[in-house]
Amino acid sequence: MNEFRRLAAKIDQHMQQLAAQGVSETHAIVNRMMG
């Protein structure tokens, strides 16, 4: 459970960074992160 929470936090951080940059390829990046 702890592992999942850390992963979710990491994804949330990336999402905020992407939103700040205005990137629209979020799904591709998330898929790459998830492996």
PDB file of N, CA and C in Angstrom:
ATOM      1  N   MET A   1       0.841  -1.204   0.000  1.00  0.00           N
ATOM      2  CA  MET A   1       0.000   0.000   0.000  1.00  0.00           C
ATOM      3  C   MET A   1       0.878   1.257   0.000  1.00  0.00           C
ATOM      4  N   ASN A   2       1.926   1.210   0.799  1.00  0.00           N
ATOM      5  CA  ASN A   2       2.838   2.353   0.852  1.00  0.00           C
ATOM      6  C   ASN A   2       3.448   2.603  -0.519  1.00  0.00           C
ATOM      7  N   GLU A   3       3.800   1.509  -1.193  1.00  0.00           N
ATOM      8  CA  GLU A   3       4.408   1.600  -2.524  1.00  0.00           C
ATOM      9  C   GLU A   3       3.467   2.301  -3.495  1.00  0.00           C
ATOM     10  N   PHE A   4       2.192   1.911  -3.439  1.00  0.00           N
ATOM     11  CA  PHE A   4       1.199   2.499  -4.346  1.00  0.00           C
ATOM     12  C   PHE A   4       1.048   3.989  -4.077  1.00  0.00           C
ATOM     13  N   ARG A   5       1.063   4.364  -2.794  1.00  0.00           N
ATOM     14  CA  ARG A   5       0.884   5.778  -2.451  1.00  0.00           C
ATOM     15  C   ARG A   5       2.054   6.601  -2.984  1.00  0.00           C
ATOM     16  N   ARG A   6       3.249   6.022  -2.896  1.00  0.00           N
ATOM     17  CA  ARG A   6       4.424   6.741  -3.399  1.00  0.00           C
ATOM     18  C   ARG A   6       4.325   6.919  -4.912  1.00  0.00           C
ATOM     19  N   LEU A   7       3.887   5.862  -5.601  1.00  0.00           N
ATOM     20  CA  LEU A   7       3.739   5.938  -7.054  1.00  0.00           C
ATOM     21  C   LEU A   7       2.699   6.985  -7.422  1.00  0.00           C
ATOM     22  N   ALA A   8       1.590   6.994  -6.697  1.00  0.00           N
ATOM     23  CA  ALA A   8       0.531   7.973  -6.968  1.00  0.00           C
ATOM     24  C   ALA A   8       1.062   9.387  -6.766  1.00  0.00           C
ATOM     25  N   ALA A   9       1.861   9.587  -5.733  1.00  0.00           N
ATOM     26  CA  ALA A   9       2.423  10.912  -5.470  1.00  0.00           C
ATOM     27  C   ALA A   9       3.350  11.318  -6.611  1.00  0.00           C
ATOM     28  N   LYS A  10       4.120  10.356  -7.107  1.00  0.00           N
ATOM     29  CA  LYS A  10       5.041  10.646  -8.204  1.00  0.00           C
ATOM     30  C   LYS A  10       4.266  11.044  -9.453  1.00  0.00           C
ATOM     31  N   ILE A  11       3.206  10.292  -9.749  1.00  0.00           N
ATOM     32  CA  ILE A  11       2.374  10.594 -10.923  1.00  0.00           C
ATOM     33  C   ILE A  11       1.748  11.971 -10.763  1.00  0.00           C
ATOM     34  N   ASP A  12       1.267  12.259  -9.553  1.00  0.00           N
ATOM     35  CA  ASP A  12       0.631  13.555  -9.310  1.00  0.00           C
ATOM     36  C   ASP A  12       1.622  14.686  -9.571  1.00  0.00           C
ATOM     37  N   GLN A  13       2.856  14.510  -9.124  1.00  0.00           N
ATOM     38  CA  GLN A  13       3.886  15.525  -9.356  1.00  0.00           C
ATOM     39  C   GLN A  13       4.094  15.736 -10.850  1.00  0.00           C
ATOM     40  N   HIS A  14       4.238  14.631 -11.583  1.00  0.00           N
ATOM     41  CA  HIS A  14       4.454  14.727 -13.028  1.00  0.00           C
ATOM     42  C   HIS A  14       3.288  15.423 -13.703  1.00  0.00           C
ATOM     43  N   MET A  15       2.069  15.094 -13.270  1.00  0.00           N
ATOM     44  CA  MET A  15       0.878  15.705 -13.857  1.00  0.00           C
ATOM     45  C   MET A  15       0.921  17.219 -13.678  1.00  0.00           C
ATOM     46  N   GLN A  16       1.300  17.658 -12.474  1.00  0.00           N
ATOM     47  CA  GLN A  16       1.359  19.096 -12.201  1.00  0.00           C
ATOM     48  C   GLN A  16       2.421  19.757 -13.072  1.00  0.00           C
ATOM     49  N   GLN A  17       3.563  19.096 -13.221  1.00  0.00           N
ATOM     50  CA  GLN A  17       4.629  19.649 -14.059  1.00  0.00           C
ATOM     51  C   GLN A  17       4.158  19.764 -15.503  1.00  0.00           C
ATOM     52  N   LEU A  18       3.510  18.706 -15.990  1.00  0.00           N
ATOM     53  CA  LEU A  18       3.031  18.712 -17.372  1.00  0.00           C
ATOM     54  C   LEU A  18       1.979  19.789 -17.565  1.00  0.00           C
ATOM     55  N   ALA A  19       1.080  19.914 -16.609  1.00  0.00           N
ATOM     56  CA  ALA A  19       0.029  20.925 -16.709  1.00  0.00           C
ATOM     57  C   ALA A  19       0.667  22.311 -16.764  1.00  0.00           C
ATOM     58  N   ALA A  20       1.722  22.507 -15.979  1.00  0.00           N
ATOM     59  CA  ALA A  20       2.396  23.798 -15.962  1.00  0.00           C
ATOM     60  C   ALA A  20       3.049  24.069 -17.320  1.00  0.00           C
ATOM     61  N   GLN A  21       3.515  23.015 -17.974  1.00  0.00           N
ATOM     62  CA  GLN A  21       4.178  23.178 -19.267  1.00  0.00           C
ATOM     63  C   GLN A  21       3.184  23.165 -20.413  1.00  0.00           C
ATOM     64  N   GLY A  22       1.955  22.757 -20.113  1.00  0.00           N
ATOM     65  CA  GLY A  22       0.940  22.725 -21.162  1.00  0.00           C
ATOM     66  C   GLY A  22       1.119  21.550 -22.105  1.00  0.00           C
ATOM     67  N   VAL A  23       1.695  20.477 -21.613  1.00  0.00           N
ATOM     68  CA  VAL A  23       1.901  19.296 -22.448  1.00  0.00           C
ATOM     69  C   VAL A  23       0.601  18.499 -22.520  1.00  0.00           C
ATOM     70  N   SER A  24       0.283  18.009 -23.697  1.00  0.00           N
ATOM     71  CA  SER A  24      -0.975  17.282 -23.880  1.00  0.00           C
ATOM     72  C   SER A  24      -0.754  15.775 -23.976  1.00  0.00           C
ATOM     73  N   GLU A  25       0.500  15.347 -23.927  1.00  0.00           N
ATOM     74  CA  GLU A  25       0.799  13.919 -24.073  1.00  0.00           C
ATOM     75  C   GLU A  25       0.876  13.206 -22.731  1.00  0.00           C
ATOM     76  N   THR A  26       0.033  13.587 -21.798  1.00  0.00           N
ATOM     77  CA  THR A  26       0.123  13.022 -20.447  1.00  0.00           C
ATOM     78  C   THR A  26      -0.044  11.510 -20.459  1.00  0.00           C
ATOM     79  N   HIS A  27      -0.977  11.002 -21.237  1.00  0.00           N
ATOM     80  CA  HIS A  27      -1.244   9.564 -21.238  1.00  0.00           C
ATOM     81  C   HIS A  27      -0.012   8.772 -21.662  1.00  0.00           C
ATOM     82  N   ALA A  28       0.666   9.245 -22.678  1.00  0.00           N
ATOM     83  CA  ALA A  28       1.856   8.544 -23.155  1.00  0.00           C
ATOM     84  C   ALA A  28       2.921   8.503 -22.068  1.00  0.00           C
ATOM     85  N   ILE A  29       3.091   9.604 -21.364  1.00  0.00           N
ATOM     86  CA  ILE A  29       4.109   9.676 -20.317  1.00  0.00           C
ATOM     87  C   ILE A  29       3.732   8.778 -19.148  1.00  0.00           C
ATOM     88  N   VAL A  30       2.458   8.793 -18.765  1.00  0.00           N
ATOM     89  CA  VAL A  30       2.005   7.936 -17.664  1.00  0.00           C
ATOM     90  C   VAL A  30       2.216   6.472 -18.039  1.00  0.00           C
ATOM     91  N   ASN A  31       1.865   6.119 -19.247  1.00  0.00           N
ATOM     92  CA  ASN A  31       2.042   4.733 -19.697  1.00  0.00           C
ATOM     93  C   ASN A  31       3.509   4.338 -19.638  1.00  0.00           C
ATOM     94  N   ARG A  32       4.391   5.252 -20.005  1.00  0.00           N
ATOM     95  CA  ARG A  32       5.822   4.964 -19.965  1.00  0.00           C
ATOM     96  C   ARG A  32       6.271   4.780 -18.517  1.00  0.00           C
ATOM     97  N   MET A  33       5.760   5.617 -17.625  1.00  0.00           N
ATOM     98  CA  MET A  33       6.128   5.517 -16.215  1.00  0.00           C
ATOM     99  C   MET A  33       5.658   4.195 -15.619  1.00  0.00           C
ATOM    100  N   MET A  34       4.442   3.783 -15.980  1.00  0.00           N
ATOM    101  CA  MET A  34       3.883   2.554 -15.429  1.00  0.00           C
ATOM    102  C   MET A  34       4.603   1.319 -15.975  1.00  0.00           C
ATOM    103  N   GLY A  35       5.344   1.488 -17.055  1.00  0.00           N
ATOM    104  CA  GLY A  35       6.087   0.373 -17.617  1.00  0.00           C
ATOM    105  C   GLY A  35       5.214  -0.447 -18.533  1.00  0.00           C
TER     106      GLY A  35
END
